[in-house]
Amino acid sequence: MFFEYPKLLYLLLLLIPLAALYVWREWKGASPSLTVSNSSQWKAPRTQMMTWLRHVPFVLRLAALALIIVAIARPRTSQDFEKVDSEGIDIVLAMDVSTSMLARDFNPDRIGAAKDIAIEFIASRPTDRIGIAVFAGESYTQCPVTTDRVTLINMMKEVQTGLIDDGTAIGNGLATAVARLKDSDAKSRVVILLTDGVNNCGEVSPETAAEIAKTYGIRVYTIGVGAQGEAPYPVTTPWGVEIQKIKVEIDEELLKNIAATTDGKYFRATDNTKLMEIYGEINKMEKNRTTIDSFPIYREKFMVFAIWALVLLLLELLFKYAVIRRIP
């Protein structure tokens, strides 16, 4: 057995001065609360036993406090181990967050659909380590690779346009994703790069980033998102937001070359359903199951200590008001 918060056990030391204070007060003797000329009528045959029993409530209270301290220190056991199937894969989702991702050929728009479907993808792979990188005119890591699904999903929900300079730096985005995976010891390392535009800025060219990914054995799946032809796009005007048609421009040749260089695959998503199917296909392609026997099953033990503390407190009340009643 071990404790989640072992430092709280130092609170047990506070019981020592409490016990010492009680002993000192008993040794010193308390002033009588009632003065009588003769105490014979209060004498019982088992006076010695009652003398000892009057200390029982304090002992019970002290023991209950000790059990409460142990309980809040959260005792746990991990003697058993569970066999878990693990994919053995590290994945980084590199997502375009340029303003063109606000186009409404997807529901509710490209970036909203990409986030929702990516969250479903994250939830479908509970044993993989997944990270998030975003890019527009520059790039950064939104979340490093982790198995913490709650954090991943919350960080994905916070992805939005307008937080960094606008543009489409595909090379920077891919390079950032590769940097998150290059030191990984996973059996398979994958980048899923999603964009709706043409590379038009950035310090690292997409071709160079793809070669770096190939050097580290990182496979890149590329996804071009956008309807064929034109797409509705919200444009701010002096009279409010108007929906105008804009031309959909995706450098499919570049995305195909990146995928081919890294032994990946290129996909084209024209709506929500197609994007969902693409993530489903990638999900099936990236299976490398291994069985690991190293995940401990933690069992919480604090409830046992809490229940016994409650029992002792009830016993204290019983002794105090039923067994050794005092005259007020």
C-alpha atoms as a PDB file:
ATOM      1  CA  MET A   1       0.000   0.000   0.000  1.00  0.00           C
ATOM      2  CA  PHE A   2       1.190   3.527  -0.747  1.00  0.00           C
ATOM      3  CA  PHE A   3      -0.219   7.019  -0.357  1.00  0.00           C
ATOM      4  CA  GLU A   4      -1.067   9.543  -3.068  1.00  0.00           C
ATOM      5  CA  TYR A   5      -0.315  12.416  -0.660  1.00  0.00           C
ATOM      6  CA  PRO A   6       2.215  10.963   1.821  1.00  0.00           C
ATOM      7  CA  LYS A   7       3.218  14.366   3.223  1.00  0.00           C
ATOM      8  CA  LEU A   8      -0.207  14.662   4.842  1.00  0.00           C
ATOM      9  CA  LEU A   9       0.811  11.846   7.184  1.00  0.00           C
ATOM     10  CA  TYR A  10       2.989  14.364   9.016  1.00  0.00           C
ATOM     11  CA  LEU A  11      -0.282  15.614  10.490  1.00  0.00           C
ATOM     12  CA  LEU A  12      -0.201  12.501  12.684  1.00  0.00           C
ATOM     13  CA  LEU A  13       2.532  14.214  14.680  1.00  0.00           C
ATOM     14  CA  LEU A  14      -0.090  16.685  15.908  1.00  0.00           C
ATOM     15  CA  LEU A  15      -1.690  13.864  17.876  1.00  0.00           C
ATOM     16  CA  ILE A  16       1.352  13.718  20.178  1.00  0.00           C
ATOM     17  CA  PRO A  17       0.857  17.182  21.748  1.00  0.00           C
ATOM     18  CA  LEU A  18      -2.895  16.500  21.983  1.00  0.00           C
ATOM     19  CA  ALA A  19      -2.226  13.318  23.937  1.00  0.00           C
ATOM     20  CA  ALA A  20       0.406  15.056  26.077  1.00  0.00           C
ATOM     21  CA  LEU A  21      -2.019  17.885  26.889  1.00  0.00           C
ATOM     22  CA  TYR A  22      -4.692  15.404  27.924  1.00  0.00           C
ATOM     23  CA  VAL A  23      -2.299  13.480  30.167  1.00  0.00           C
ATOM     24  CA  TRP A  24      -1.045  16.721  31.750  1.00  0.00           C
ATOM     25  CA  ARG A  25      -4.557  17.917  32.493  1.00  0.00           C
ATOM     26  CA  GLU A  26      -5.477  14.556  34.019  1.00  0.00           C
ATOM     27  CA  TRP A  27      -2.319  14.477  36.121  1.00  0.00           C
ATOM     28  CA  LYS A  28      -2.830  18.062  37.304  1.00  0.00           C
ATOM     29  CA  GLY A  29      -6.426  17.335  38.104  1.00  0.00           C
ATOM     30  CA  ALA A  30      -9.433  19.461  37.239  1.00  0.00           C
ATOM     31  CA  SER A  31     -11.332  21.518  39.797  1.00  0.00           C
ATOM     32  CA  PRO A  32     -14.605  19.866  40.865  1.00  0.00           C
ATOM     33  CA  SER A  33     -17.701  21.327  39.305  1.00  0.00           C
ATOM     34  CA  LEU A  34     -19.862  20.317  42.274  1.00  0.00           C
ATOM     35  CA  THR A  35     -18.931  20.524  45.967  1.00  0.00           C
ATOM     36  CA  VAL A  36     -20.627  18.146  48.403  1.00  0.00           C
ATOM     37  CA  SER A  37     -20.030  17.248  52.018  1.00  0.00           C
ATOM     38  CA  ASN A  38     -20.011  13.498  51.372  1.00  0.00           C
ATOM     39  CA  SER A  39     -19.378  11.668  48.069  1.00  0.00           C
ATOM     40  CA  SER A  40     -20.296   8.195  49.300  1.00  0.00           C
ATOM     41  CA  GLN A  41     -23.612   8.180  47.463  1.00  0.00           C
ATOM     42  CA  TRP A  42     -21.788   8.533  44.124  1.00  0.00           C
ATOM     43  CA  LYS A  43     -19.357   5.727  44.838  1.00  0.00           C
ATOM     44  CA  ALA A  44     -19.960   2.560  42.787  1.00  0.00           C
ATOM     45  CA  PRO A  45     -18.577  -0.938  43.344  1.00  0.00           C
ATOM     46  CA  ARG A  46     -16.482  -0.698  40.216  1.00  0.00           C
ATOM     47  CA  THR A  47     -14.959   2.688  40.804  1.00  0.00           C
ATOM     48  CA  GLN A  48     -11.558   1.614  39.446  1.00  0.00           C
ATOM     49  CA  MET A  49     -13.091   0.357  36.185  1.00  0.00           C
ATOM     50  CA  MET A  50     -15.060   3.563  35.736  1.00  0.00           C
ATOM     51  CA  THR A  51     -11.880   5.530  36.331  1.00  0.00           C
ATOM     52  CA  TRP A  52     -10.258   3.817  33.370  1.00  0.00           C
ATOM     53  CA  LEU A  53     -13.371   3.913  31.197  1.00  0.00           C
ATOM     54  CA  ARG A  54     -13.593   7.693  31.386  1.00  0.00           C
ATOM     55  CA  HIS A  55     -10.430   7.869  29.239  1.00  0.00           C
ATOM     56  CA  VAL A  56     -11.981   5.746  26.484  1.00  0.00           C
ATOM     57  CA  PRO A  57     -13.758   8.654  24.654  1.00  0.00           C
ATOM     58  CA  PHE A  58     -10.507  10.563  24.289  1.00  0.00           C
ATOM     59  CA  VAL A  59      -8.680   7.465  23.024  1.00  0.00           C
ATOM     60  CA  LEU A  60     -11.471   6.810  20.533  1.00  0.00           C
ATOM     61  CA  ARG A  61     -11.406  10.424  19.345  1.00  0.00           C
ATOM     62  CA  LEU A  62      -7.622  10.338  18.931  1.00  0.00           C
ATOM     63  CA  ALA A  63      -7.814   7.092  16.952  1.00  0.00           C
ATOM     64  CA  ALA A  64     -10.582   8.540  14.757  1.00  0.00           C
ATOM     65  CA  LEU A  65      -8.466  11.618  13.991  1.00  0.00           C
ATOM     66  CA  ALA A  66      -5.556   9.357  13.053  1.00  0.00           C
ATOM     67  CA  LEU A  67      -7.771   7.345  10.688  1.00  0.00           C
ATOM     68  CA  ILE A  68      -9.160  10.531   9.098  1.00  0.00           C
ATOM     69  CA  ILE A  69      -5.612  11.792   8.425  1.00  0.00           C
ATOM     70  CA  VAL A  70      -4.682   8.450   6.862  1.00  0.00           C
ATOM     71  CA  ALA A  71      -7.842   8.542   4.736  1.00  0.00           C
ATOM     72  CA  ILE A  72      -7.181  12.038   3.317  1.00  0.00           C
ATOM     73  CA  ALA A  73      -3.612  10.948   2.474  1.00  0.00           C
ATOM     74  CA  ARG A  74      -5.396   8.624  -0.015  1.00  0.00           C
ATOM     75  CA  PRO A  75      -4.037   5.108   0.585  1.00  0.00           C
ATOM     76  CA  ARG A  76      -3.921   2.954  -2.556  1.00  0.00           C
ATOM     77  CA  THR A  77      -2.730  -0.478  -3.623  1.00  0.00           C
ATOM     78  CA  SER A  78      -1.424  -1.634  -7.009  1.00  0.00           C
ATOM     79  CA  GLN A  79      -0.660  -5.300  -6.514  1.00  0.00           C
ATOM     80  CA  ASP A  80      -2.562  -6.407  -9.630  1.00  0.00           C
ATOM     81  CA  PHE A  81      -1.620  -5.633 -13.214  1.00  0.00           C
ATOM     82  CA  GLU A  82      -3.866  -5.434 -16.225  1.00  0.00           C
ATOM     83  CA  LYS A  83      -2.909  -6.602 -19.705  1.00  0.00           C
ATOM     84  CA  VAL A  84      -3.630  -3.791 -22.141  1.00  0.00           C
ATOM     85  CA  ASP A  85      -3.553  -3.807 -25.928  1.00  0.00           C
ATOM     86  CA  SER A  86      -1.513  -0.844 -27.081  1.00  0.00           C
ATOM     87  CA  GLU A  87      -1.160   0.495 -30.599  1.00  0.00           C
ATOM     88  CA  GLY A  88       2.446   1.488 -29.965  1.00  0.00           C
ATOM     89  CA  ILE A  89       1.962   4.589 -32.122  1.00  0.00           C
ATOM     90  CA  ASP A  90       2.712   8.272 -31.568  1.00  0.00           C
ATOM     91  CA  ILE A  91       0.606  10.659 -33.644  1.00  0.00           C
ATOM     92  CA  VAL A  92       0.692  14.432 -34.126  1.00  0.00           C
ATOM     93  CA  LEU A  93      -2.273  16.198 -35.691  1.00  0.00           C
ATOM     94  CA  ALA A  94      -0.920  19.178 -37.661  1.00  0.00           C
ATOM     95  CA  MET A  95      -3.850  21.479 -38.390  1.00  0.00           C
ATOM     96  CA  ASP A  96      -4.108  24.544 -40.603  1.00  0.00           C
ATOM     97  CA  VAL A  97      -5.679  27.466 -38.694  1.00  0.00           C
ATOM     98  CA  SER A  98      -5.417  30.143 -41.379  1.00  0.00           C
ATOM     99  CA  THR A  99      -8.489  32.322 -41.896  1.00  0.00           C
ATOM    100  CA  SER A 100      -9.446  30.391 -45.030  1.00  0.00           C
ATOM    101  CA  MET A 101     -10.434  27.545 -42.661  1.00  0.00           C
ATOM    102  CA  LEU A 102     -13.524  29.644 -41.850  1.00  0.00           C
ATOM    103  CA  ALA A 103     -15.017  28.768 -45.252  1.00  0.00           C
ATOM    104  CA  ARG A 104     -18.446  27.218 -44.866  1.00  0.00           C
ATOM    105  CA  ASP A 105     -18.352  24.375 -47.366  1.00  0.00           C
ATOM    106  CA  PHE A 106     -18.179  22.195 -44.213  1.00  0.00           C
ATOM    107  CA  ASN A 107     -20.574  22.262 -41.271  1.00  0.00           C
ATOM    108  CA  PRO A 108     -20.316  24.597 -39.397  1.00  0.00           C
ATOM    109  CA  ASP A 109     -17.083  25.549 -41.200  1.00  0.00           C
ATOM    110  CA  ARG A 110     -13.816  23.842 -42.130  1.00  0.00           C
ATOM    111  CA  ILE A 111     -12.048  24.388 -38.838  1.00  0.00           C
ATOM    112  CA  GLY A 112     -15.127  23.436 -36.782  1.00  0.00           C
ATOM    113  CA  ALA A 113     -15.576  20.199 -38.719  1.00  0.00           C
ATOM    114  CA  ALA A 114     -11.840  19.410 -38.546  1.00  0.00           C
ATOM    115  CA  LYS A 115     -11.858  19.874 -34.757  1.00  0.00           C
ATOM    116  CA  ASP A 116     -14.993  17.804 -34.151  1.00  0.00           C
ATOM    117  CA  ILE A 117     -13.803  14.881 -36.271  1.00  0.00           C
ATOM    118  CA  ALA A 118     -10.282  15.067 -34.819  1.00  0.00           C
ATOM    119  CA  ILE A 119     -11.792  14.810 -31.318  1.00  0.00           C
ATOM    120  CA  GLU A 120     -13.627  11.638 -32.372  1.00  0.00           C
ATOM    121  CA  PHE A 121     -10.361  10.284 -33.768  1.00  0.00           C
ATOM    122  CA  ILE A 122      -8.554  11.043 -30.481  1.00  0.00           C
ATOM    123  CA  ALA A 123     -11.277   9.285 -28.480  1.00  0.00           C
ATOM    124  CA  SER A 124     -11.074   6.218 -30.736  1.00  0.00           C
ATOM    125  CA  ARG A 125      -7.379   5.629 -29.926  1.00  0.00           C
ATOM    126  CA  PRO A 126      -7.201   5.506 -26.110  1.00  0.00           C
ATOM    127  CA  THR A 127      -3.762   3.887 -25.849  1.00  0.00           C
ATOM    128  CA  ASP A 128      -1.814   5.966 -28.374  1.00  0.00           C
ATOM    129  CA  ARG A 129       0.120   9.095 -27.518  1.00  0.00           C
ATOM    130  CA  ILE A 130      -1.264  11.983 -29.557  1.00  0.00           C
ATOM    131  CA  GLY A 131      -0.183  15.602 -29.871  1.00  0.00           C
ATOM    132  CA  ILE A 132      -1.471  18.703 -31.655  1.00  0.00           C
ATOM    133  CA  ALA A 133       0.432  21.237 -33.763  1.00  0.00           C
ATOM    134  CA  VAL A 134      -1.201  24.204 -35.494  1.00  0.00           C
ATOM    135  CA  PHE A 135       0.030  26.467 -38.255  1.00  0.00           C
ATOM    136  CA  ALA A 136      -0.947  29.491 -40.324  1.00  0.00           C
ATOM    137  CA  GLY A 137       1.738  32.080 -41.156  1.00  0.00           C
ATOM    138  CA  GLU A 138       3.805  30.442 -38.398  1.00  0.00           C
ATOM    139  CA  SER A 139       3.421  27.312 -36.284  1.00  0.00           C
ATOM    140  CA  TYR A 140       3.497  26.147 -32.683  1.00  0.00           C
ATOM    141  CA  THR A 141       2.714  23.116 -30.541  1.00  0.00           C
ATOM    142  CA  GLN A 142      -0.796  23.244 -29.125  1.00  0.00           C
ATOM    143  CA  CYS A 143      -0.304  20.066 -27.061  1.00  0.00           C
ATOM    144  CA  PRO A 144       2.727  17.723 -26.831  1.00  0.00           C
ATOM    145  CA  VAL A 145       2.192  13.994 -27.348  1.00  0.00           C
ATOM    146  CA  THR A 146       0.306  12.553 -24.394  1.00  0.00           C
ATOM    147  CA  THR A 147      -2.160   9.837 -23.412  1.00  0.00           C
ATOM    148  CA  ASP A 148      -4.214  12.326 -21.371  1.00  0.00           C
ATOM    149  CA  ARG A 149      -7.388  12.305 -23.460  1.00  0.00           C
ATOM    150  CA  VAL A 150      -9.142  14.977 -21.370  1.00  0.00           C
ATOM    151  CA  THR A 151      -6.294  17.451 -21.896  1.00  0.00           C
ATOM    152  CA  LEU A 152      -6.022  16.583 -25.591  1.00  0.00           C
ATOM    153  CA  ILE A 153      -9.721  17.122 -26.248  1.00  0.00           C
ATOM    154  CA  ASN A 154      -9.792  20.368 -24.277  1.00  0.00           C
ATOM    155  CA  MET A 155      -6.742  21.663 -26.159  1.00  0.00           C
ATOM    156  CA  MET A 156      -8.309  20.680 -29.479  1.00  0.00           C
ATOM    157  CA  LYS A 157     -11.472  22.602 -28.568  1.00  0.00           C
ATOM    158  CA  GLU A 158      -9.337  25.709 -27.987  1.00  0.00           C
ATOM    159  CA  VAL A 159      -7.852  25.630 -31.512  1.00  0.00           C
ATOM    160  CA  GLN A 160      -9.046  28.647 -33.490  1.00  0.00           C
ATOM    161  CA  THR A 161      -8.056  31.056 -36.225  1.00  0.00           C
ATOM    162  CA  GLY A 162      -6.652  34.525 -35.690  1.00  0.00           C
ATOM    163  CA  LEU A 163      -4.216  33.743 -32.855  1.00  0.00           C
ATOM    164  CA  ILE A 164      -1.112  33.874 -35.076  1.00  0.00           C
ATOM    165  CA  ASP A 165      -0.118  35.653 -38.293  1.00  0.00           C
ATOM    166  CA  ASP A 166      -2.239  34.612 -41.232  1.00  0.00           C
ATOM    167  CA  GLY A 167      -0.880  32.618 -44.131  1.00  0.00           C
ATOM    168  CA  THR A 168      -0.211  28.962 -44.940  1.00  0.00           C
ATOM    169  CA  ALA A 169       3.225  27.776 -43.794  1.00  0.00           C
ATOM    170  CA  ILE A 170       2.827  24.068 -44.504  1.00  0.00           C
ATOM    171  CA  GLY A 171       6.570  23.452 -44.120  1.00  0.00           C
ATOM    172  CA  ASN A 172       6.664  25.080 -40.695  1.00  0.00           C
ATOM    173  CA  GLY A 173       3.630  23.144 -39.549  1.00  0.00           C
ATOM    174  CA  LEU A 174       5.091  19.823 -40.659  1.00  0.00           C
ATOM    175  CA  ALA A 175       8.508  20.660 -39.165  1.00  0.00           C
ATOM    176  CA  THR A 176       6.896  21.461 -35.793  1.00  0.00           C
ATOM    177  CA  ALA A 177       5.016  18.150 -35.839  1.00  0.00           C
ATOM    178  CA  VAL A 178       8.200  16.252 -36.753  1.00  0.00           C
ATOM    179  CA  ALA A 179      10.074  17.939 -33.890  1.00  0.00           C
ATOM    180  CA  ARG A 180       7.508  16.532 -31.461  1.00  0.00           C
ATOM    181  CA  LEU A 181       8.097  12.991 -32.768  1.00  0.00           C
ATOM    182  CA  LYS A 182      11.794  12.778 -33.683  1.00  0.00           C
ATOM    183  CA  ASP A 183      12.884  11.593 -30.211  1.00  0.00           C
ATOM    184  CA  SER A 184       9.967   9.214 -29.736  1.00  0.00           C
ATOM    185  CA  ASP A 185      10.727   5.515 -29.223  1.00  0.00           C
ATOM    186  CA  ALA A 186       7.287   4.391 -30.460  1.00  0.00           C
ATOM    187  CA  LYS A 187       7.148   1.589 -33.013  1.00  0.00           C
ATOM    188  CA  SER A 188       5.310   3.845 -35.424  1.00  0.00           C
ATOM    189  CA  ARG A 189       5.313   7.653 -35.683  1.00  0.00           C
ATOM    190  CA  VAL A 190       2.704   9.459 -37.732  1.00  0.00           C
ATOM    191  CA  VAL A 191       1.775  13.017 -38.688  1.00  0.00           C
ATOM    192  CA  ILE A 192      -1.702  13.788 -40.003  1.00  0.00           C
ATOM    193  CA  LEU A 193      -1.364  17.126 -41.798  1.00  0.00           C
ATOM    194  CA  LEU A 194      -4.592  18.924 -42.665  1.00  0.00           C
ATOM    195  CA  THR A 195      -4.686  22.075 -44.797  1.00  0.00           C
ATOM    196  CA  ASP A 196      -6.970  23.905 -47.210  1.00  0.00           C
ATOM    197  CA  GLY A 197      -4.485  26.085 -49.058  1.00  0.00           C
ATOM    198  CA  VAL A 198      -1.235  26.597 -50.886  1.00  0.00           C
ATOM    199  CA  ASN A 199       2.101  27.052 -49.130  1.00  0.00           C
ATOM    200  CA  ASN A 200       2.865  30.771 -49.289  1.00  0.00           C
ATOM    201  CA  CYS A 201       5.177  31.549 -46.358  1.00  0.00           C
ATOM    202  CA  GLY A 202       7.396  30.030 -43.685  1.00  0.00           C
ATOM    203  CA  GLU A 203      11.112  29.497 -43.057  1.00  0.00           C
ATOM    204  CA  VAL A 204      11.019  25.760 -43.853  1.00  0.00           C
ATOM    205  CA  SER A 205       9.902  24.528 -47.244  1.00  0.00           C
ATOM    206  CA  PRO A 206       7.382  21.663 -47.282  1.00  0.00           C
ATOM    207  CA  GLU A 207       9.794  19.523 -49.309  1.00  0.00           C
ATOM    208  CA  THR A 208      12.558  19.989 -46.731  1.00  0.00           C
ATOM    209  CA  ALA A 209      10.183  19.193 -43.872  1.00  0.00           C
ATOM    210  CA  ALA A 210       9.092  16.034 -45.696  1.00  0.00           C
ATOM    211  CA  GLU A 211      12.714  14.932 -46.138  1.00  0.00           C
ATOM    212  CA  ILE A 212      13.350  15.500 -42.428  1.00  0.00           C
ATOM    213  CA  ALA A 213      10.278  13.400 -41.599  1.00  0.00           C
ATOM    214  CA  LYS A 214      11.562  10.648 -43.894  1.00  0.00           C
ATOM    215  CA  THR A 215      14.974  10.745 -42.191  1.00  0.00           C
ATOM    216  CA  TYR A 216      13.351  10.068 -38.814  1.00  0.00           C
ATOM    217  CA  GLY A 217      11.066   7.385 -40.214  1.00  0.00           C
ATOM    218  CA  ILE A 218       7.933   9.469 -39.664  1.00  0.00           C
ATOM    219  CA  ARG A 219       5.013   8.752 -41.965  1.00  0.00           C
ATOM    220  CA  VAL A 220       2.853  11.699 -43.070  1.00  0.00           C
ATOM    221  CA  TYR A 221      -0.772  11.468 -44.108  1.00  0.00           C
ATOM    222  CA  THR A 222      -1.890  14.648 -45.838  1.00  0.00           C
ATOM    223  CA  ILE A 223      -5.487  15.836 -46.089  1.00  0.00           C
ATOM    224  CA  GLY A 224      -6.690  18.613 -48.375  1.00  0.00           C
ATOM    225  CA  VAL A 225      -9.985  20.074 -47.164  1.00  0.00           C
ATOM    226  CA  GLY A 226     -12.313  22.089 -49.381  1.00  0.00           C
ATOM    227  CA  ALA A 227     -15.148  21.645 -51.840  1.00  0.00           C
ATOM    228  CA  GLN A 228     -14.512  21.475 -55.564  1.00  0.00           C
ATOM    229  CA  GLY A 229     -14.579  24.846 -57.326  1.00  0.00           C
ATOM    230  CA  GLU A 230     -15.848  27.551 -54.983  1.00  0.00           C
ATOM    231  CA  ALA A 231     -16.838  27.715 -51.330  1.00  0.00           C
ATOM    232  CA  PRO A 232     -18.954  30.165 -49.282  1.00  0.00           C
ATOM    233  CA  TYR A 233     -16.800  32.391 -47.074  1.00  0.00           C
ATOM    234  CA  PRO A 234     -17.845  35.013 -44.479  1.00  0.00           C
ATOM    235  CA  VAL A 235     -16.489  38.424 -45.410  1.00  0.00           C
ATOM    236  CA  THR A 236     -16.698  41.417 -43.051  1.00  0.00           C
ATOM    237  CA  THR A 237     -18.075  44.514 -44.771  1.00  0.00           C
ATOM    238  CA  PRO A 238     -19.210  47.954 -43.498  1.00  0.00           C
ATOM    239  CA  TRP A 239     -22.737  46.507 -43.522  1.00  0.00           C
ATOM    240  CA  GLY A 240     -21.868  43.398 -41.518  1.00  0.00           C
ATOM    241  CA  VAL A 241     -20.799  39.886 -42.429  1.00  0.00           C
ATOM    242  CA  GLU A 242     -21.658  38.770 -45.937  1.00  0.00           C
ATOM    243  CA  ILE A 243     -21.221  35.322 -47.439  1.00  0.00           C
ATOM    244  CA  GLN A 244     -19.247  35.454 -50.666  1.00  0.00           C
ATOM    245  CA  LYS A 245     -17.929  32.760 -52.958  1.00  0.00           C
ATOM    246  CA  ILE A 246     -14.175  32.228 -52.988  1.00  0.00           C
ATOM    247  CA  LYS A 247     -12.092  29.946 -55.160  1.00  0.00           C
ATOM    248  CA  VAL A 248     -10.851  26.763 -53.493  1.00  0.00           C
ATOM    249  CA  GLU A 249      -7.108  26.450 -54.042  1.00  0.00           C
ATOM    250  CA  ILE A 250      -5.346  23.402 -52.636  1.00  0.00           C
ATOM    251  CA  ASP A 251      -1.848  22.397 -53.735  1.00  0.00           C
ATOM    252  CA  GLU A 252      -2.727  18.746 -54.139  1.00  0.00           C
ATOM    253  CA  GLU A 253       0.481  17.998 -55.983  1.00  0.00           C
ATOM    254  CA  LEU A 254       2.552  19.202 -53.033  1.00  0.00           C
ATOM    255  CA  LEU A 255       0.470  17.230 -50.536  1.00  0.00           C
ATOM    256  CA  LYS A 256       0.784  14.094 -52.662  1.00  0.00           C
ATOM    257  CA  ASN A 257       4.569  14.532 -52.845  1.00  0.00           C
ATOM    258  CA  ILE A 258       4.855  14.968 -49.057  1.00  0.00           C
ATOM    259  CA  ALA A 259       2.844  11.780 -48.527  1.00  0.00           C
ATOM    260  CA  ALA A 260       4.824   9.846 -51.148  1.00  0.00           C
ATOM    261  CA  THR A 261       8.179  10.982 -49.714  1.00  0.00           C
ATOM    262  CA  THR A 262       7.282   9.699 -46.251  1.00  0.00           C
ATOM    263  CA  ASP A 263       5.475   6.511 -47.355  1.00  0.00           C
ATOM    264  CA  GLY A 264       2.132   8.030 -46.377  1.00  0.00           C
ATOM    265  CA  LYS A 265      -1.013   8.788 -48.363  1.00  0.00           C
ATOM    266  CA  TYR A 266      -2.897  11.832 -49.610  1.00  0.00           C
ATOM    267  CA  PHE A 267      -6.642  12.305 -49.092  1.00  0.00           C
ATOM    268  CA  ARG A 268      -9.110  14.910 -50.340  1.00  0.00           C
ATOM    269  CA  ALA A 269     -12.055  15.838 -48.129  1.00  0.00           C
ATOM    270  CA  THR A 270     -14.890  17.779 -49.712  1.00  0.00           C
ATOM    271  CA  ASP A 271     -17.404  17.604 -46.837  1.00  0.00           C
ATOM    272  CA  ASN A 272     -17.843  16.401 -43.234  1.00  0.00           C
ATOM    273  CA  THR A 273     -18.729  12.851 -44.225  1.00  0.00           C
ATOM    274  CA  LYS A 274     -15.686  12.460 -46.450  1.00  0.00           C
ATOM    275  CA  LEU A 275     -13.387  13.876 -43.769  1.00  0.00           C
ATOM    276  CA  MET A 276     -14.816  11.438 -41.231  1.00  0.00           C
ATOM    277  CA  GLU A 277     -14.251   8.553 -43.642  1.00  0.00           C
ATOM    278  CA  ILE A 278     -10.634   9.654 -44.133  1.00  0.00           C
ATOM    279  CA  TYR A 279      -9.905   9.644 -40.417  1.00  0.00           C
ATOM    280  CA  GLY A 280     -11.597   6.233 -40.206  1.00  0.00           C
ATOM    281  CA  GLU A 281      -9.361   4.903 -42.982  1.00  0.00           C
ATOM    282  CA  ILE A 282      -6.222   6.258 -41.301  1.00  0.00           C
ATOM    283  CA  ASN A 283      -7.430   4.725 -38.049  1.00  0.00           C
ATOM    284  CA  LYS A 284      -7.610   1.296 -39.719  1.00  0.00           C
ATOM    285  CA  MET A 285      -4.275   1.681 -41.511  1.00  0.00           C
ATOM    286  CA  GLU A 286      -2.344   2.574 -38.368  1.00  0.00           C
ATOM    287  CA  LYS A 287      -2.723  -0.620 -36.351  1.00  0.00           C
ATOM    288  CA  ASN A 288       0.344  -2.122 -34.715  1.00  0.00           C
ATOM    289  CA  ARG A 289      -1.076  -3.914 -31.715  1.00  0.00           C
ATOM    290  CA  THR A 290       1.169  -5.161 -28.946  1.00  0.00           C
ATOM    291  CA  THR A 291       0.223  -6.552 -25.554  1.00  0.00           C
ATOM    292  CA  ILE A 292       1.792  -4.909 -22.540  1.00  0.00           C
ATOM    293  CA  ASP A 293       1.618  -6.216 -18.988  1.00  0.00           C
ATOM    294  CA  SER A 294       2.710  -3.097 -17.161  1.00  0.00           C
ATOM    295  CA  PHE A 295      -0.394  -1.118 -16.327  1.00  0.00           C
ATOM    296  CA  PRO A 296      -1.143  -1.342 -12.593  1.00  0.00           C
ATOM    297  CA  ILE A 297      -4.716  -1.458 -11.333  1.00  0.00           C
ATOM    298  CA  TYR A 298      -4.993   1.041  -8.506  1.00  0.00           C
ATOM    299  CA  ARG A 299      -7.463   0.294  -5.739  1.00  0.00           C
ATOM    300  CA  GLU A 300      -8.509   3.087  -3.405  1.00  0.00           C
ATOM    301  CA  LYS A 301      -8.456   2.192   0.311  1.00  0.00           C
ATOM    302  CA  PHE A 302      -9.416   5.500   1.903  1.00  0.00           C
ATOM    303  CA  MET A 303     -13.048   4.438   2.384  1.00  0.00           C
ATOM    304  CA  VAL A 304     -12.058   1.686   4.837  1.00  0.00           C
ATOM    305  CA  PHE A 305     -10.226   4.189   7.052  1.00  0.00           C
ATOM    306  CA  ALA A 306     -13.047   6.730   6.768  1.00  0.00           C
ATOM    307  CA  ILE A 307     -15.680   4.194   7.811  1.00  0.00           C
ATOM    308  CA  TRP A 308     -13.648   3.062  10.837  1.00  0.00           C
ATOM    309  CA  ALA A 309     -13.137   6.706  11.825  1.00  0.00           C
ATOM    310  CA  LEU A 310     -16.917   7.200  11.753  1.00  0.00           C
ATOM    311  CA  VAL A 311     -17.433   4.052  13.841  1.00  0.00           C
ATOM    312  CA  LEU A 312     -14.953   5.268  16.463  1.00  0.00           C
ATOM    313  CA  LEU A 313     -16.628   8.682  16.656  1.00  0.00           C
ATOM    314  CA  LEU A 314     -19.994   7.007  17.202  1.00  0.00           C
ATOM    315  CA  LEU A 315     -18.480   4.812  19.911  1.00  0.00           C
ATOM    316  CA  GLU A 316     -17.073   7.930  21.566  1.00  0.00           C
ATOM    317  CA  LEU A 317     -20.568   9.449  21.731  1.00  0.00           C
ATOM    318  CA  LEU A 318     -21.947   6.192  23.074  1.00  0.00           C
ATOM    319  CA  PHE A 319     -19.389   6.060  25.886  1.00  0.00           C
ATOM    320  CA  LYS A 320     -19.714   9.732  26.642  1.00  0.00           C
ATOM    321  CA  TYR A 321     -23.488   9.917  26.953  1.00  0.00           C
ATOM    322  CA  ALA A 322     -24.512   6.360  27.883  1.00  0.00           C
ATOM    323  CA  VAL A 323     -21.708   4.580  29.714  1.00  0.00           C
ATOM    324  CA  ILE A 324     -19.904   7.297  31.687  1.00  0.00           C
ATOM    325  CA  ARG A 325     -22.452  10.046  32.013  1.00  0.00           C
ATOM    326  CA  ARG A 326     -21.292  13.001  34.089  1.00  0.00           C
ATOM    327  CA  ILE A 327     -23.250  15.296  36.311  1.00  0.00           C
ATOM    328  CA  PRO A 328     -23.359  18.730  34.626  1.00  0.00           C
END
